[in-house]
Each structure stands twice: as structure tokens, then as C-alpha cells.
Amino acid sequence: MSRPKHYALPLALVLACLGAFQVQAADLTVTLHDVRAQTGLLKLAVVDSQAAWDGQAKPVQAEGAPPQGNVATFVFKDLAPGAYAVLVTHDENGNGKLDSNMIGMPIEAYGFSNNPNVMRKPTWDEARFEVGGQGAAIDITLR
């Protein structure tokens, strides 16, 4: 006795529909402006959570490159659509850290997504932005 085949077509349709809902990966283009020194290394970290923003989780992606002019562009590929924030530091003297003065103010360039105008590290909500299925492009002005 064989089973009826009337389940095969609905199952195939359900599986095809599920495949149509797969999340598409997108690219994020970050353009840095006002790169003042042509030494050291520009470092960018893309984070996708409050924990990563606070340094309690790893960035989704990170990149670094020596500066080559007063504008620099970085492309982060294959990001899932969602909320992200970008942190930028320019290790101008190549010592592996963001140097600061005696009162803790950075003396090397830095920046954040959304360019919040605050005298402290911005909050996750101040720096976060959305990457859609078509990708996103943001500009960060270094301070």
C-alpha cells in the first residue's frame, strides 16, 4: 500500500517560501573625513549590540589601514540587516592605543557613527544606525 503523494506539493511550496525569506547580506561603506595625520593606523570597529559597544563583546567586523589623504573609505561586507554602530580611532604614532592627555582627553583622532556632538563617548543609542537589505553608507568626521 503506497502513501498518497498529495503532501509533496504543499511541502515543496512551504520550503520554497522559507527560502524566499532568507536574510540578505549587505555592505556598509564608511567614509572618514578630516584625517589630519598621515602616519599610524586608522582603526574601525563595527558593533551590533550594547554589549559590544561597551567592550564586553567582540565587534562584528574590524579593519585598519594607514591613512592616504584626508579622506578614507572602508567597506564592510556581508552584514545582516539590523542595528550597528561604528567606533574609529587613529593611532597616529603607531603605539597600539588611543593616547590621551593628563586629564584623559584624547590627543589622537577618533570618531563615532552619527557624529554625536558630545564631550564623552556617546551612548549606543546616540551612535546606532540601521543597515537595510540594500546596505548603507555613513560619513564620520574625525575629531
C-alpha atoms as a PDB file:
ATOM      1  CA  MET A   1       0.000   0.000   0.000  1.00  0.00           C
ATOM      2  CA  SER A   2       1.569   3.302  -1.021  1.00  0.00           C
ATOM      3  CA  ARG A   3       1.035   6.663   0.615  1.00  0.00           C
ATOM      4  CA  PRO A   4      -0.774   9.401  -1.257  1.00  0.00           C
ATOM      5  CA  LYS A   5       1.501  11.977  -2.908  1.00  0.00           C
ATOM      6  CA  HIS A   6      -0.740  14.945  -2.064  1.00  0.00           C
ATOM      7  CA  TYR A   7       1.702  16.108   0.669  1.00  0.00           C
ATOM      8  CA  ALA A   8       4.657  16.512  -1.686  1.00  0.00           C
ATOM      9  CA  LEU A   9       3.457  19.667  -3.479  1.00  0.00           C
ATOM     10  CA  PRO A  10       2.435  21.652  -0.337  1.00  0.00           C
ATOM     11  CA  LEU A  11       5.721  20.742   1.359  1.00  0.00           C
ATOM     12  CA  ALA A  12       7.693  21.912  -1.674  1.00  0.00           C
ATOM     13  CA  LEU A  13       5.787  25.226  -1.660  1.00  0.00           C
ATOM     14  CA  VAL A  14       6.444  25.767   2.049  1.00  0.00           C
ATOM     15  CA  LEU A  15      10.160  25.097   1.607  1.00  0.00           C
ATOM     16  CA  ALA A  16      10.337  27.459  -1.376  1.00  0.00           C
ATOM     17  CA  CYS A  17       8.612  30.212   0.610  1.00  0.00           C
ATOM     18  CA  LEU A  18      11.011  29.763   3.528  1.00  0.00           C
ATOM     19  CA  GLY A  19      13.934  30.151   1.140  1.00  0.00           C
ATOM     20  CA  ALA A  20      12.489  33.449  -0.081  1.00  0.00           C
ATOM     21  CA  PHE A  21      12.659  34.836   3.480  1.00  0.00           C
ATOM     22  CA  GLN A  22      16.391  34.270   3.927  1.00  0.00           C
ATOM     23  CA  VAL A  23      18.179  37.381   5.179  1.00  0.00           C
ATOM     24  CA  GLN A  24      20.298  39.065   2.553  1.00  0.00           C
ATOM     25  CA  ALA A  25      23.780  40.218   3.486  1.00  0.00           C
ATOM     26  CA  ALA A  26      24.553  43.872   2.827  1.00  0.00           C
ATOM     27  CA  ASP A  27      27.596  46.127   2.664  1.00  0.00           C
ATOM     28  CA  LEU A  28      28.356  49.108   4.870  1.00  0.00           C
ATOM     29  CA  THR A  29      30.535  51.865   3.408  1.00  0.00           C
ATOM     30  CA  VAL A  30      32.181  54.150   5.979  1.00  0.00           C
ATOM     31  CA  THR A  31      33.851  57.339   4.781  1.00  0.00           C
ATOM     32  CA  LEU A  32      36.147  59.120   7.234  1.00  0.00           C
ATOM     33  CA  HIS A  33      36.698  62.865   6.889  1.00  0.00           C
ATOM     34  CA  ASP A  34      39.332  65.195   8.366  1.00  0.00           C
ATOM     35  CA  VAL A  35      42.141  62.646   8.636  1.00  0.00           C
ATOM     36  CA  ARG A  36      44.738  65.121   9.941  1.00  0.00           C
ATOM     37  CA  ALA A  37      47.886  62.984  10.242  1.00  0.00           C
ATOM     38  CA  GLN A  38      49.295  60.737   7.541  1.00  0.00           C
ATOM     39  CA  THR A  39      51.049  58.428   9.990  1.00  0.00           C
ATOM     40  CA  GLY A  40      49.979  55.448  12.058  1.00  0.00           C
ATOM     41  CA  LEU A  41      46.845  53.391  11.530  1.00  0.00           C
ATOM     42  CA  LEU A  42      43.141  54.165  11.155  1.00  0.00           C
ATOM     43  CA  LYS A  43      41.161  51.547  13.092  1.00  0.00           C
ATOM     44  CA  LEU A  44      37.431  50.908  12.723  1.00  0.00           C
ATOM     45  CA  ALA A  45      35.164  48.550  14.647  1.00  0.00           C
ATOM     46  CA  VAL A  46      31.584  47.726  13.633  1.00  0.00           C
ATOM     47  CA  VAL A  47      29.453  46.566  16.563  1.00  0.00           C
ATOM     48  CA  ASP A  48      25.890  45.277  16.668  1.00  0.00           C
ATOM     49  CA  SER A  49      24.931  45.416  20.347  1.00  0.00           C
ATOM     50  CA  GLN A  50      25.106  47.418  23.544  1.00  0.00           C
ATOM     51  CA  ALA A  51      27.494  44.806  24.962  1.00  0.00           C
ATOM     52  CA  ALA A  52      29.907  45.178  22.036  1.00  0.00           C
ATOM     53  CA  TRP A  53      29.645  48.987  22.270  1.00  0.00           C
ATOM     54  CA  ASP A  54      30.659  48.703  25.930  1.00  0.00           C
ATOM     55  CA  GLY A  55      33.614  46.430  25.060  1.00  0.00           C
ATOM     56  CA  GLN A  56      32.003  43.326  26.564  1.00  0.00           C
ATOM     57  CA  ALA A  57      31.652  41.510  23.235  1.00  0.00           C
ATOM     58  CA  LYS A  58      33.706  41.374  20.064  1.00  0.00           C
ATOM     59  CA  PRO A  59      32.970  43.625  17.087  1.00  0.00           C
ATOM     60  CA  VAL A  60      31.107  42.097  14.171  1.00  0.00           C
ATOM     61  CA  GLN A  61      33.938  43.286  11.914  1.00  0.00           C
ATOM     62  CA  ALA A  62      37.060  45.388  12.361  1.00  0.00           C
ATOM     63  CA  GLU A  63      39.503  46.880   9.893  1.00  0.00           C
ATOM     64  CA  GLY A  64      42.592  49.023   9.882  1.00  0.00           C
ATOM     65  CA  ALA A  65      44.738  50.773   7.300  1.00  0.00           C
ATOM     66  CA  PRO A  66      47.343  53.511   7.105  1.00  0.00           C
ATOM     67  CA  PRO A  67      45.881  56.872   6.067  1.00  0.00           C
ATOM     68  CA  GLN A  68      46.335  58.034   2.482  1.00  0.00           C
ATOM     69  CA  GLY A  69      44.933  61.539   2.376  1.00  0.00           C
ATOM     70  CA  ASN A  70      42.421  63.499   4.407  1.00  0.00           C
ATOM     71  CA  VAL A  71      39.539  61.169   3.416  1.00  0.00           C
ATOM     72  CA  ALA A  72      39.464  57.383   3.835  1.00  0.00           C
ATOM     73  CA  THR A  73      36.822  54.852   2.804  1.00  0.00           C
ATOM     74  CA  PHE A  74      36.271  51.387   4.262  1.00  0.00           C
ATOM     75  CA  VAL A  75      33.739  48.779   3.127  1.00  0.00           C
ATOM     76  CA  PHE A  76      32.421  46.128   5.499  1.00  0.00           C
ATOM     77  CA  LYS A  77      30.852  43.268   3.555  1.00  0.00           C
ATOM     78  CA  ASP A  78      28.136  40.718   4.311  1.00  0.00           C
ATOM     79  CA  LEU A  79      26.423  42.397   7.266  1.00  0.00           C
ATOM     80  CA  ALA A  80      22.965  41.142   8.175  1.00  0.00           C
ATOM     81  CA  PRO A  81      20.337  43.890   8.167  1.00  0.00           C
ATOM     82  CA  GLY A  82      19.977  45.413  11.624  1.00  0.00           C
ATOM     83  CA  ALA A  83      21.315  47.988  14.073  1.00  0.00           C
ATOM     84  CA  TYR A  84      25.034  48.828  14.129  1.00  0.00           C
ATOM     85  CA  ALA A  85      27.430  51.472  15.403  1.00  0.00           C
ATOM     86  CA  VAL A  86      30.985  52.307  14.333  1.00  0.00           C
ATOM     87  CA  LEU A  87      33.916  53.354  16.520  1.00  0.00           C
ATOM     88  CA  VAL A  88      37.007  54.895  14.898  1.00  0.00           C
ATOM     89  CA  THR A  89      40.431  55.636  16.334  1.00  0.00           C
ATOM     90  CA  HIS A  90      43.504  56.969  14.588  1.00  0.00           C
ATOM     91  CA  ASP A  91      46.600  55.592  16.282  1.00  0.00           C
ATOM     92  CA  GLU A  92      48.715  58.384  14.841  1.00  0.00           C
ATOM     93  CA  ASN A  93      52.009  57.327  16.445  1.00  0.00           C
ATOM     94  CA  GLY A  94      51.512  53.564  15.990  1.00  0.00           C
ATOM     95  CA  ASN A  95      51.834  52.628  19.658  1.00  0.00           C
ATOM     96  CA  GLY A  96      48.689  50.464  19.621  1.00  0.00           C
ATOM     97  CA  LYS A  97      46.436  52.731  21.696  1.00  0.00           C
ATOM     98  CA  LEU A  98      44.499  55.998  21.622  1.00  0.00           C
ATOM     99  CA  ASP A  99      46.721  58.419  23.503  1.00  0.00           C
ATOM    100  CA  SER A 100      45.238  60.966  25.899  1.00  0.00           C
ATOM    101  CA  ASN A 101      46.477  63.932  27.910  1.00  0.00           C
ATOM    102  CA  MET A 102      46.837  64.145  31.689  1.00  0.00           C
ATOM    103  CA  ILE A 103      43.109  64.721  32.221  1.00  0.00           C
ATOM    104  CA  GLY A 104      42.064  61.861  29.941  1.00  0.00           C
ATOM    105  CA  MET A 105      41.133  63.804  26.813  1.00  0.00           C
ATOM    106  CA  PRO A 106      42.211  62.021  23.596  1.00  0.00           C
ATOM    107  CA  ILE A 107      45.091  63.686  21.775  1.00  0.00           C
ATOM    108  CA  GLU A 108      44.768  61.406  18.747  1.00  0.00           C
ATOM    109  CA  ALA A 109      41.817  61.497  16.348  1.00  0.00           C
ATOM    110  CA  TYR A 110      38.662  59.472  16.962  1.00  0.00           C
ATOM    111  CA  GLY A 111      35.053  59.389  15.793  1.00  0.00           C
ATOM    112  CA  PHE A 112      31.709  57.624  16.021  1.00  0.00           C
ATOM    113  CA  SER A 113      28.815  56.863  13.713  1.00  0.00           C
ATOM    114  CA  ASN A 114      26.186  59.634  13.621  1.00  0.00           C
ATOM    115  CA  ASN A 115      28.879  62.140  14.685  1.00  0.00           C
ATOM    116  CA  PRO A 116      27.166  62.888  18.025  1.00  0.00           C
ATOM    117  CA  ASN A 117      28.206  66.249  19.438  1.00  0.00           C
ATOM    118  CA  VAL A 118      29.044  65.156  22.987  1.00  0.00           C
ATOM    119  CA  MET A 119      32.108  65.598  25.205  1.00  0.00           C
ATOM    120  CA  ARG A 120      32.185  61.908  26.165  1.00  0.00           C
ATOM    121  CA  LYS A 121      31.871  58.567  24.456  1.00  0.00           C
ATOM    122  CA  PRO A 122      28.348  58.572  23.003  1.00  0.00           C
ATOM    123  CA  THR A 123      25.805  56.025  24.104  1.00  0.00           C
ATOM    124  CA  TRP A 124      24.857  53.061  21.927  1.00  0.00           C
ATOM    125  CA  ASP A 125      21.568  54.805  21.090  1.00  0.00           C
ATOM    126  CA  GLU A 126      23.364  58.013  20.044  1.00  0.00           C
ATOM    127  CA  ALA A 127      25.690  56.145  17.664  1.00  0.00           C
ATOM    128  CA  ARG A 128      23.472  53.365  16.309  1.00  0.00           C
ATOM    129  CA  PHE A 129      22.047  53.316  12.799  1.00  0.00           C
ATOM    130  CA  GLU A 130      20.268  50.792  10.620  1.00  0.00           C
ATOM    131  CA  VAL A 131      21.734  48.749   7.795  1.00  0.00           C
ATOM    132  CA  GLY A 132      18.968  47.607   5.477  1.00  0.00           C
ATOM    133  CA  GLY A 133      18.936  44.865   2.893  1.00  0.00           C
ATOM    134  CA  GLN A 134      20.356  47.283   0.321  1.00  0.00           C
ATOM    135  CA  GLY A 135      23.284  48.232   2.564  1.00  0.00           C
ATOM    136  CA  ALA A 136      24.200  51.607   3.978  1.00  0.00           C
ATOM    137  CA  ALA A 137      26.767  54.367   3.656  1.00  0.00           C
ATOM    138  CA  ILE A 138      27.776  56.674   6.513  1.00  0.00           C
ATOM    139  CA  ASP A 139      30.201  59.554   6.970  1.00  0.00           C
ATOM    140  CA  ILE A 140      32.274  60.069  10.133  1.00  0.00           C
ATOM    141  CA  THR A 141      34.182  63.263  10.802  1.00  0.00           C
ATOM    142  CA  LEU A 142      37.238  62.667  12.964  1.00  0.00           C
ATOM    143  CA  ARG A 143      37.776  64.889  15.986  1.00  0.00           C
END
